[in-house]
Amino acid sequence: MDFRDRRLKVVGIGGTLREGSSSLGALRRALGAAEEAGAETELLDLYELELPMYRPGRPLEEYAQNVHHFVEALRGADALLVSTAAYHGTLAGVTKNALDFAQFLSKDERPYFDGKVVGLISTAGGDQAAANSNGAMVHAVHALRGVVAPLMVTIPNAWQRSDRDGNITDDGYGRRLDRLGRLVVDLAEKIGAAEPSRRAEPVGIAV
């Protein structure tokens, strides 16, 4: 059974290791739009998940249940939304660490994020770092064989555009997040039924 026989599932990954994260608030907004567009959604809040550092070569069986849940959520996603804070000019370490756990999908029929649409969101305290963060995530998603959605949302000076709970209060940026959520669903419906790629064996992370 493919997603045409059920609701398409969009999984969101985001948040930082503090409460009231604007990157998490932005992700909630985009996920809400994806759900309104007809998708089933799941939010993976990195603050709540408390993922350990990824250790190359350590088998999945040695990790706690939070890692197992995270990996299975990635595996079951038809499309993804990834939202990061911009720290020191690039994506937050907690976001990159979470993406590294996709290595456990390397031997799947559709390895990593193969053929899955991935929407990208970055929030920053200043003017420029959010664009750098999305750029860095583009490279990571391409390495994971994902399809980056052509609309990416960057929210500079996010502290001016969100409330104390991290919710995006700026109407213009809110509408961009809504468009991204809908776009991810639309693109996934159009290309998600493609056959898994027949490229060479995944190289992945050196151990």
C-alpha atoms as a PDB file:
ATOM      1  CA  MET A   1       0.000   0.000   0.000  1.00  0.00           C
ATOM      2  CA  ASP A   2       1.419   3.413  -0.918  1.00  0.00           C
ATOM      3  CA  PHE A   3       0.398   6.841   0.325  1.00  0.00           C
ATOM      4  CA  ARG A   4      -2.291   7.129  -2.356  1.00  0.00           C
ATOM      5  CA  ASP A   5      -4.275   4.596  -0.321  1.00  0.00           C
ATOM      6  CA  ARG A   6      -3.866   6.509   2.947  1.00  0.00           C
ATOM      7  CA  ARG A   7      -3.081   9.969   4.292  1.00  0.00           C
ATOM      8  CA  LEU A   8       0.371  11.208   3.367  1.00  0.00           C
ATOM      9  CA  LYS A   9       2.567  11.647   6.455  1.00  0.00           C
ATOM     10  CA  VAL A  10       4.728  14.715   7.042  1.00  0.00           C
ATOM     11  CA  VAL A  11       7.234  14.533   9.913  1.00  0.00           C
ATOM     12  CA  GLY A  12       8.660  17.731  11.371  1.00  0.00           C
ATOM     13  CA  ILE A  13      12.074  17.879  13.056  1.00  0.00           C
ATOM     14  CA  GLY A  14      13.003  20.981  15.006  1.00  0.00           C
ATOM     15  CA  GLY A  15      13.486  22.989  18.135  1.00  0.00           C
ATOM     16  CA  THR A  16      16.528  23.782  20.229  1.00  0.00           C
ATOM     17  CA  LEU A  17      17.586  22.811  23.730  1.00  0.00           C
ATOM     18  CA  ARG A  18      15.611  25.612  25.294  1.00  0.00           C
ATOM     19  CA  GLU A  19      11.949  26.308  25.855  1.00  0.00           C
ATOM     20  CA  GLY A  20      10.187  28.869  23.703  1.00  0.00           C
ATOM     21  CA  SER A  21      12.251  28.084  20.607  1.00  0.00           C
ATOM     22  CA  SER A  22      11.228  30.176  17.593  1.00  0.00           C
ATOM     23  CA  SER A  23      12.472  27.418  15.271  1.00  0.00           C
ATOM     24  CA  LEU A  24      10.009  25.058  16.952  1.00  0.00           C
ATOM     25  CA  GLY A  25       7.235  27.639  16.693  1.00  0.00           C
ATOM     26  CA  ALA A  26       7.942  28.089  13.000  1.00  0.00           C
ATOM     27  CA  LEU A  27       7.868  24.331  12.513  1.00  0.00           C
ATOM     28  CA  ARG A  28       4.517  24.040  14.289  1.00  0.00           C
ATOM     29  CA  ARG A  29       3.087  26.670  11.955  1.00  0.00           C
ATOM     30  CA  ALA A  30       4.287  24.880   8.805  1.00  0.00           C
ATOM     31  CA  LEU A  31       3.155  21.485  10.096  1.00  0.00           C
ATOM     32  CA  GLY A  32      -0.267  22.932  10.830  1.00  0.00           C
ATOM     33  CA  ALA A  33      -0.561  24.055   7.219  1.00  0.00           C
ATOM     34  CA  ALA A  34       0.513  20.591   6.034  1.00  0.00           C
ATOM     35  CA  GLU A  35      -2.212  19.046   8.155  1.00  0.00           C
ATOM     36  CA  GLU A  36      -4.796  21.476   6.774  1.00  0.00           C
ATOM     37  CA  ALA A  37      -3.645  20.377   3.299  1.00  0.00           C
ATOM     38  CA  GLY A  38      -4.685  16.827   4.160  1.00  0.00           C
ATOM     39  CA  ALA A  39      -1.528  15.245   5.577  1.00  0.00           C
ATOM     40  CA  GLU A  40      -1.055  13.320   8.771  1.00  0.00           C
ATOM     41  CA  THR A  41       1.677  15.066  10.758  1.00  0.00           C
ATOM     42  CA  GLU A  42       4.094  14.234  13.564  1.00  0.00           C
ATOM     43  CA  LEU A  43       6.232  16.733  15.458  1.00  0.00           C
ATOM     44  CA  LEU A  44       9.664  15.596  16.658  1.00  0.00           C
ATOM     45  CA  ASP A  45      10.619  18.226  19.242  1.00  0.00           C
ATOM     46  CA  LEU A  46      14.363  17.894  19.799  1.00  0.00           C
ATOM     47  CA  TYR A  47      14.065  19.531  23.221  1.00  0.00           C
ATOM     48  CA  GLU A  48      11.664  16.846  24.397  1.00  0.00           C
ATOM     49  CA  LEU A  49      13.403  13.954  22.622  1.00  0.00           C
ATOM     50  CA  GLU A  50      16.796  14.625  24.230  1.00  0.00           C
ATOM     51  CA  LEU A  51      18.678  12.621  21.623  1.00  0.00           C
ATOM     52  CA  PRO A  52      22.216  11.593  22.604  1.00  0.00           C
ATOM     53  CA  MET A  53      25.161  12.364  20.376  1.00  0.00           C
ATOM     54  CA  TYR A  54      25.269  10.104  17.332  1.00  0.00           C
ATOM     55  CA  ARG A  55      28.206   7.678  17.563  1.00  0.00           C
ATOM     56  CA  PRO A  56      29.324   6.094  14.266  1.00  0.00           C
ATOM     57  CA  GLY A  57      29.419   2.335  14.513  1.00  0.00           C
ATOM     58  CA  ARG A  58      27.200   2.075  17.585  1.00  0.00           C
ATOM     59  CA  PRO A  59      24.274  -0.246  16.720  1.00  0.00           C
ATOM     60  CA  LEU A  60      20.732   1.014  17.051  1.00  0.00           C
ATOM     61  CA  GLU A  61      19.991  -1.668  19.654  1.00  0.00           C
ATOM     62  CA  GLU A  62      22.331   0.077  22.105  1.00  0.00           C
ATOM     63  CA  TYR A  63      20.382   3.334  22.004  1.00  0.00           C
ATOM     64  CA  ALA A  64      17.394   4.161  24.203  1.00  0.00           C
ATOM     65  CA  GLN A  65      13.769   4.207  23.059  1.00  0.00           C
ATOM     66  CA  ASN A  66      13.844   7.894  22.123  1.00  0.00           C
ATOM     67  CA  VAL A  67      16.321   7.144  19.333  1.00  0.00           C
ATOM     68  CA  HIS A  68      14.298   4.152  18.138  1.00  0.00           C
ATOM     69  CA  HIS A  69      11.179   6.340  17.987  1.00  0.00           C
ATOM     70  CA  PHE A  70      13.034   9.042  16.078  1.00  0.00           C
ATOM     71  CA  VAL A  71      14.458   6.637  13.492  1.00  0.00           C
ATOM     72  CA  GLU A  72      11.105   4.923  12.943  1.00  0.00           C
ATOM     73  CA  ALA A  73       9.407   8.293  12.491  1.00  0.00           C
ATOM     74  CA  LEU A  74      11.934   9.200   9.793  1.00  0.00           C
ATOM     75  CA  ARG A  75      11.423   5.831   8.133  1.00  0.00           C
ATOM     76  CA  GLY A  76       7.638   6.232   8.065  1.00  0.00           C
ATOM     77  CA  ALA A  77       7.650   9.794   6.707  1.00  0.00           C
ATOM     78  CA  ASP A  78       6.500  10.519   3.167  1.00  0.00           C
ATOM     79  CA  ALA A  79       7.915  14.051   3.474  1.00  0.00           C
ATOM     80  CA  LEU A  80       9.726  16.086   6.095  1.00  0.00           C
ATOM     81  CA  LEU A  81       9.991  19.585   7.447  1.00  0.00           C
ATOM     82  CA  VAL A  82      13.256  20.484   9.186  1.00  0.00           C
ATOM     83  CA  SER A  83      13.540  23.666  11.224  1.00  0.00           C
ATOM     84  CA  THR A  84      16.741  24.861  12.874  1.00  0.00           C
ATOM     85  CA  ALA A  85      18.011  27.808  14.795  1.00  0.00           C
ATOM     86  CA  ALA A  86      21.048  29.527  13.311  1.00  0.00           C
ATOM     87  CA  TYR A  87      24.000  29.360  15.703  1.00  0.00           C
ATOM     88  CA  HIS A  88      27.251  31.139  14.851  1.00  0.00           C
ATOM     89  CA  GLY A  89      26.516  31.331  11.159  1.00  0.00           C
ATOM     90  CA  THR A  90      25.215  27.825  10.521  1.00  0.00           C
ATOM     91  CA  LEU A  91      22.649  25.274  11.676  1.00  0.00           C
ATOM     92  CA  ALA A  92      22.416  24.341  15.339  1.00  0.00           C
ATOM     93  CA  GLY A  93      24.409  21.328  16.469  1.00  0.00           C
ATOM     94  CA  VAL A  94      21.299  19.641  17.850  1.00  0.00           C
ATOM     95  CA  THR A  95      19.756  19.704  14.358  1.00  0.00           C
ATOM     96  CA  LYS A  96      22.835  18.271  12.640  1.00  0.00           C
ATOM     97  CA  ASN A  97      23.127  15.569  15.290  1.00  0.00           C
ATOM     98  CA  ALA A  98      19.495  14.580  14.717  1.00  0.00           C
ATOM     99  CA  LEU A  99      20.034  14.327  10.959  1.00  0.00           C
ATOM    100  CA  ASP A 100      23.053  12.072  11.541  1.00  0.00           C
ATOM    101  CA  PHE A 101      20.717   9.412  12.974  1.00  0.00           C
ATOM    102  CA  ALA A 102      19.358   8.981   9.430  1.00  0.00           C
ATOM    103  CA  GLN A 103      22.402   6.762   8.958  1.00  0.00           C
ATOM    104  CA  PHE A 104      20.240   3.978  10.400  1.00  0.00           C
ATOM    105  CA  LEU A 105      18.137   4.203   7.234  1.00  0.00           C
ATOM    106  CA  SER A 106      21.119   3.563   4.966  1.00  0.00           C
ATOM    107  CA  LYS A 107      20.240  -0.069   4.265  1.00  0.00           C
ATOM    108  CA  ASP A 108      16.530   0.516   3.661  1.00  0.00           C
ATOM    109  CA  GLU A 109      14.982  -0.112   0.248  1.00  0.00           C
ATOM    110  CA  ARG A 110      14.758   3.674   0.008  1.00  0.00           C
ATOM    111  CA  PRO A 111      17.950   4.661   1.842  1.00  0.00           C
ATOM    112  CA  TYR A 112      18.093   7.807   3.942  1.00  0.00           C
ATOM    113  CA  PHE A 113      15.510  10.336   2.632  1.00  0.00           C
ATOM    114  CA  ASP A 114      15.612   8.937  -0.907  1.00  0.00           C
ATOM    115  CA  GLY A 115      12.979  10.678  -3.035  1.00  0.00           C
ATOM    116  CA  LYS A 116      11.315  12.364  -0.053  1.00  0.00           C
ATOM    117  CA  VAL A 117      10.493  16.066  -0.188  1.00  0.00           C
ATOM    118  CA  VAL A 118      12.140  18.062   2.609  1.00  0.00           C
ATOM    119  CA  GLY A 119      11.068  21.599   3.479  1.00  0.00           C
ATOM    120  CA  LEU A 120      13.645  23.783   5.247  1.00  0.00           C
ATOM    121  CA  ILE A 121      13.185  26.515   7.852  1.00  0.00           C
ATOM    122  CA  SER A 122      15.789  28.555   9.742  1.00  0.00           C
ATOM    123  CA  THR A 123      15.376  31.210  12.412  1.00  0.00           C
ATOM    124  CA  ALA A 124      18.105  33.564  13.562  1.00  0.00           C
ATOM    125  CA  GLY A 125      18.679  36.334  16.055  1.00  0.00           C
ATOM    126  CA  GLY A 126      20.412  38.494  13.445  1.00  0.00           C
ATOM    127  CA  ASP A 127      20.064  39.380   9.782  1.00  0.00           C
ATOM    128  CA  GLN A 128      22.138  36.849   7.829  1.00  0.00           C
ATOM    129  CA  ALA A 129      22.738  33.537   9.590  1.00  0.00           C
ATOM    130  CA  ALA A 130      19.337  31.993   8.771  1.00  0.00           C
ATOM    131  CA  ALA A 131      20.157  31.936   5.056  1.00  0.00           C
ATOM    132  CA  ASN A 132      23.518  30.305   5.805  1.00  0.00           C
ATOM    133  CA  SER A 133      21.785  27.674   7.921  1.00  0.00           C
ATOM    134  CA  ASN A 134      19.337  26.756   5.185  1.00  0.00           C
ATOM    135  CA  GLY A 135      22.229  26.564   2.754  1.00  0.00           C
ATOM    136  CA  ALA A 136      24.051  24.125   5.022  1.00  0.00           C
ATOM    137  CA  MET A 137      20.905  22.018   5.375  1.00  0.00           C
ATOM    138  CA  VAL A 138      20.521  21.866   1.588  1.00  0.00           C
ATOM    139  CA  HIS A 139      23.879  20.089   1.408  1.00  0.00           C
ATOM    140  CA  ALA A 140      22.897  17.698   4.206  1.00  0.00           C
ATOM    141  CA  VAL A 141      19.549  16.851   2.618  1.00  0.00           C
ATOM    142  CA  HIS A 142      21.142  16.278  -0.786  1.00  0.00           C
ATOM    143  CA  ALA A 143      23.704  13.960   0.841  1.00  0.00           C
ATOM    144  CA  LEU A 144      20.753  12.074   2.355  1.00  0.00           C
ATOM    145  CA  ARG A 145      19.182  11.832  -1.148  1.00  0.00           C
ATOM    146  CA  GLY A 146      16.240  14.031  -0.242  1.00  0.00           C
ATOM    147  CA  VAL A 147      14.486  16.493  -2.550  1.00  0.00           C
ATOM    148  CA  VAL A 148      14.692  20.023  -1.162  1.00  0.00           C
ATOM    149  CA  ALA A 149      11.454  21.955  -1.587  1.00  0.00           C
ATOM    150  CA  PRO A 150      12.078  25.012  -3.807  1.00  0.00           C
ATOM    151  CA  LEU A 151      10.612  27.343  -1.175  1.00  0.00           C
ATOM    152  CA  MET A 152      12.792  27.750   1.926  1.00  0.00           C
ATOM    153  CA  VAL A 153      11.814  29.992   4.827  1.00  0.00           C
ATOM    154  CA  THR A 154      14.400  32.094   6.646  1.00  0.00           C
ATOM    155  CA  ILE A 155      13.281  34.227   9.581  1.00  0.00           C
ATOM    156  CA  PRO A 156      15.891  36.835  10.574  1.00  0.00           C
ATOM    157  CA  ASN A 157      15.596  38.724  13.854  1.00  0.00           C
ATOM    158  CA  ALA A 158      13.244  36.017  15.016  1.00  0.00           C
ATOM    159  CA  TRP A 159      13.033  37.480  18.519  1.00  0.00           C
ATOM    160  CA  GLN A 160      11.098  40.368  16.976  1.00  0.00           C
ATOM    161  CA  ARG A 161       8.753  38.048  15.086  1.00  0.00           C
ATOM    162  CA  SER A 162       7.786  35.513  17.749  1.00  0.00           C
ATOM    163  CA  ASP A 163       6.239  35.466  21.190  1.00  0.00           C
ATOM    164  CA  ARG A 164       7.615  34.030  24.427  1.00  0.00           C
ATOM    165  CA  ASP A 165       6.396  30.563  23.455  1.00  0.00           C
ATOM    166  CA  GLY A 166       8.183  30.706  20.110  1.00  0.00           C
ATOM    167  CA  ASN A 167       5.032  31.168  18.041  1.00  0.00           C
ATOM    168  CA  ILE A 168       5.581  33.255  14.916  1.00  0.00           C
ATOM    169  CA  THR A 169       3.623  36.491  15.240  1.00  0.00           C
ATOM    170  CA  ASP A 170       4.708  38.182  12.001  1.00  0.00           C
ATOM    171  CA  ASP A 171       1.932  37.732   9.423  1.00  0.00           C
ATOM    172  CA  GLY A 172       4.242  37.825   6.419  1.00  0.00           C
ATOM    173  CA  TYR A 173       6.553  35.108   7.700  1.00  0.00           C
ATOM    174  CA  GLY A 174       3.569  33.154   8.959  1.00  0.00           C
ATOM    175  CA  ARG A 175       2.120  33.080   5.458  1.00  0.00           C
ATOM    176  CA  ARG A 176       5.457  31.865   4.065  1.00  0.00           C
ATOM    177  CA  LEU A 177       5.435  29.004   6.561  1.00  0.00           C
ATOM    178  CA  ASP A 178       1.873  28.169   5.540  1.00  0.00           C
ATOM    179  CA  ARG A 179       2.901  28.062   1.883  1.00  0.00           C
ATOM    180  CA  LEU A 180       5.834  25.818   2.696  1.00  0.00           C
ATOM    181  CA  GLY A 181       3.653  23.364   4.598  1.00  0.00           C
ATOM    182  CA  ARG A 182       1.188  23.148   1.719  1.00  0.00           C
ATOM    183  CA  LEU A 183       3.955  22.927  -0.882  1.00  0.00           C
ATOM    184  CA  VAL A 184       5.629  19.972   0.820  1.00  0.00           C
ATOM    185  CA  VAL A 185       2.335  18.065   0.744  1.00  0.00           C
ATOM    186  CA  ASP A 186       1.663  18.983  -2.878  1.00  0.00           C
ATOM    187  CA  LEU A 187       5.135  17.964  -4.072  1.00  0.00           C
ATOM    188  CA  ALA A 188       5.130  14.750  -2.069  1.00  0.00           C
ATOM    189  CA  GLU A 189       1.814  13.770  -3.634  1.00  0.00           C
ATOM    190  CA  LYS A 190       3.253  14.385  -7.102  1.00  0.00           C
ATOM    191  CA  ILE A 191       6.614  12.644  -6.785  1.00  0.00           C
ATOM    192  CA  GLY A 192       6.344  10.422  -3.739  1.00  0.00           C
ATOM    193  CA  ALA A 193       5.245   7.361  -5.674  1.00  0.00           C
ATOM    194  CA  ALA A 194       8.477   7.229  -7.663  1.00  0.00           C
ATOM    195  CA  GLU A 195      10.517   4.041  -7.517  1.00  0.00           C
ATOM    196  CA  PRO A 196      13.467   3.938  -5.109  1.00  0.00           C
ATOM    197  CA  SER A 197      16.682   5.063  -6.743  1.00  0.00           C
ATOM    198  CA  ARG A 198      18.987   2.346  -8.044  1.00  0.00           C
ATOM    199  CA  ARG A 199      22.190   4.144  -7.257  1.00  0.00           C
ATOM    200  CA  ALA A 200      25.286   2.573  -5.761  1.00  0.00           C
ATOM    201  CA  GLU A 201      25.361   1.224  -2.212  1.00  0.00           C
ATOM    202  CA  PRO A 202      25.107   4.106   0.293  1.00  0.00           C
ATOM    203  CA  VAL A 203      28.459   5.302   1.552  1.00  0.00           C
ATOM    204  CA  GLY A 204      27.157   7.003   4.697  1.00  0.00           C
ATOM    205  CA  ILE A 205      29.291   7.971   7.680  1.00  0.00           C
ATOM    206  CA  ALA A 206      32.735   6.508   8.041  1.00  0.00           C
ATOM    207  CA  VAL A 207      33.145   4.412  11.159  1.00  0.00           C
END
